[in-house]
Amino acid sequence: MVSPTVFARRCLCYLISELPQQALGDAMQAQAVSPEWPTAFYLQAASLFSLGMDTDAQETLKDGSSLEAKNHGN
C-alpha cells in the first residue's frame, strides 16, 4: 500500500516551489489513498487557493474540517 504521507510531502514541496497544479495532483492522490484523512483535504485547499480557486478551496476546507470533527468525535 502506498502511504498518503508520500503524496502529502511532495505536495508541500510543490507548493513551496510555486507549482500549485502539481501540488493539487498529489493532494488528490493522497485523498484517493486515504479518503478519511483530513490533511489531504487541507492540502487540496492550499493548492486550490494557490491556483486562485478560492470558492473551491473554501468548500474543500469545510469538507476537511467536517471530516476531522467526525474523526475526533466532536
C-alpha atoms as a PDB file:
ATOM      1  CA  MET A   1       0.000   0.000   0.000  1.00  0.00           C
ATOM      2  CA  VAL A   2       1.195   3.481  -0.833  1.00  0.00           C
ATOM      3  CA  SER A   3       1.326   5.857   2.101  1.00  0.00           C
ATOM      4  CA  PRO A   4      -0.612   9.122   1.724  1.00  0.00           C
ATOM      5  CA  THR A   5       2.215  10.927   3.509  1.00  0.00           C
ATOM      6  CA  VAL A   6       4.452  10.422   0.461  1.00  0.00           C
ATOM      7  CA  PHE A   7       1.987  12.434  -1.622  1.00  0.00           C
ATOM      8  CA  ALA A   8       1.487  14.959   1.179  1.00  0.00           C
ATOM      9  CA  ARG A   9       5.186  15.665   1.499  1.00  0.00           C
ATOM     10  CA  ARG A  10       5.664  16.028  -2.225  1.00  0.00           C
ATOM     11  CA  CYS A  11       2.563  18.250  -2.356  1.00  0.00           C
ATOM     12  CA  LEU A  12       4.162  20.577   0.186  1.00  0.00           C
ATOM     13  CA  CYS A  13       7.364  20.646  -1.859  1.00  0.00           C
ATOM     14  CA  TYR A  14       5.361  21.618  -4.938  1.00  0.00           C
ATOM     15  CA  LEU A  15       3.562  24.361  -3.017  1.00  0.00           C
ATOM     16  CA  ILE A  16       6.853  25.774  -1.743  1.00  0.00           C
ATOM     17  CA  SER A  17       8.212  25.616  -5.304  1.00  0.00           C
ATOM     18  CA  GLU A  18       5.163  27.510  -6.569  1.00  0.00           C
ATOM     19  CA  LEU A  19       3.844  24.573  -8.605  1.00  0.00           C
ATOM     20  CA  PRO A  20       0.221  24.506  -7.403  1.00  0.00           C
ATOM     21  CA  GLN A  21      -1.158  22.318 -10.200  1.00  0.00           C
ATOM     22  CA  GLN A  22       1.289  19.537  -9.374  1.00  0.00           C
ATOM     23  CA  ALA A  23       0.571  20.062  -5.671  1.00  0.00           C
ATOM     24  CA  LEU A  24      -3.141  19.633  -6.297  1.00  0.00           C
ATOM     25  CA  GLY A  25      -2.496  16.379  -8.144  1.00  0.00           C
ATOM     26  CA  ASP A  26      -0.555  14.951  -5.217  1.00  0.00           C
ATOM     27  CA  ALA A  27      -3.126  16.154  -2.687  1.00  0.00           C
ATOM     28  CA  MET A  28      -5.815  14.387  -4.697  1.00  0.00           C
ATOM     29  CA  GLN A  29      -3.685  11.230  -4.793  1.00  0.00           C
ATOM     30  CA  ALA A  30      -3.305  11.404  -1.001  1.00  0.00           C
ATOM     31  CA  GLN A  31      -7.075  11.592  -0.677  1.00  0.00           C
ATOM     32  CA  ALA A  32      -7.539   8.654  -3.052  1.00  0.00           C
ATOM     33  CA  VAL A  33      -5.184   6.539  -0.938  1.00  0.00           C
ATOM     34  CA  SER A  34      -6.699   7.675   2.372  1.00  0.00           C
ATOM     35  CA  PRO A  35     -10.174   9.209   1.881  1.00  0.00           C
ATOM     36  CA  GLU A  36     -10.744   9.715   5.628  1.00  0.00           C
ATOM     37  CA  TRP A  37      -7.557  11.758   6.147  1.00  0.00           C
ATOM     38  CA  PRO A  38      -8.394  15.453   6.683  1.00  0.00           C
ATOM     39  CA  THR A  39      -4.842  16.538   5.854  1.00  0.00           C
ATOM     40  CA  ALA A  40      -5.424  15.544   2.228  1.00  0.00           C
ATOM     41  CA  PHE A  41      -8.363  17.957   2.114  1.00  0.00           C
ATOM     42  CA  TYR A  42      -6.324  20.740   3.702  1.00  0.00           C
ATOM     43  CA  LEU A  43      -3.540  20.255   1.157  1.00  0.00           C
ATOM     44  CA  GLN A  44      -6.068  20.344  -1.658  1.00  0.00           C
ATOM     45  CA  ALA A  45      -7.463  23.579  -0.254  1.00  0.00           C
ATOM     46  CA  ALA A  46      -3.997  25.145  -0.082  1.00  0.00           C
ATOM     47  CA  SER A  47      -3.355  24.107  -3.670  1.00  0.00           C
ATOM     48  CA  LEU A  48      -6.699  25.462  -4.826  1.00  0.00           C
ATOM     49  CA  PHE A  49      -6.062  28.789  -3.071  1.00  0.00           C
ATOM     50  CA  SER A  50      -2.695  28.976  -4.861  1.00  0.00           C
ATOM     51  CA  LEU A  51      -4.492  28.427  -8.156  1.00  0.00           C
ATOM     52  CA  GLY A  52      -6.913  31.253  -7.398  1.00  0.00           C
ATOM     53  CA  MET A  53      -9.853  28.891  -6.995  1.00  0.00           C
ATOM     54  CA  ASP A  54     -10.981  30.385  -3.699  1.00  0.00           C
ATOM     55  CA  THR A  55     -14.571  29.111  -3.714  1.00  0.00           C
ATOM     56  CA  ASP A  56     -13.481  25.515  -4.336  1.00  0.00           C
ATOM     57  CA  ALA A  57     -10.755  25.890  -1.717  1.00  0.00           C
ATOM     58  CA  GLN A  58     -13.232  27.095   0.911  1.00  0.00           C
ATOM     59  CA  GLU A  59     -15.552  24.156   0.200  1.00  0.00           C
ATOM     60  CA  THR A  60     -12.646  21.738   0.476  1.00  0.00           C
ATOM     61  CA  LEU A  61     -11.612  23.304   3.789  1.00  0.00           C
ATOM     62  CA  LYS A  62     -15.147  22.828   5.099  1.00  0.00           C
ATOM     63  CA  ASP A  63     -15.101  19.191   3.998  1.00  0.00           C
ATOM     64  CA  GLY A  64     -11.774  18.621   5.722  1.00  0.00           C
ATOM     65  CA  SER A  65     -12.816  20.239   8.979  1.00  0.00           C
ATOM     66  CA  SER A  66     -16.108  18.326   8.994  1.00  0.00           C
ATOM     67  CA  LEU A  67     -14.221  15.091   8.475  1.00  0.00           C
ATOM     68  CA  GLU A  68     -11.759  15.956  11.212  1.00  0.00           C
ATOM     69  CA  ALA A  69     -14.570  16.753  13.654  1.00  0.00           C
ATOM     70  CA  LYS A  70     -16.240  13.438  12.767  1.00  0.00           C
ATOM     71  CA  ASN A  71     -12.987  11.534  13.249  1.00  0.00           C
ATOM     72  CA  HIS A  72     -12.398  13.119  16.646  1.00  0.00           C
ATOM     73  CA  GLY A  73     -15.989  12.705  17.777  1.00  0.00           C
ATOM     74  CA  ASN A  74     -16.554  16.442  18.331  1.00  0.00           C
END
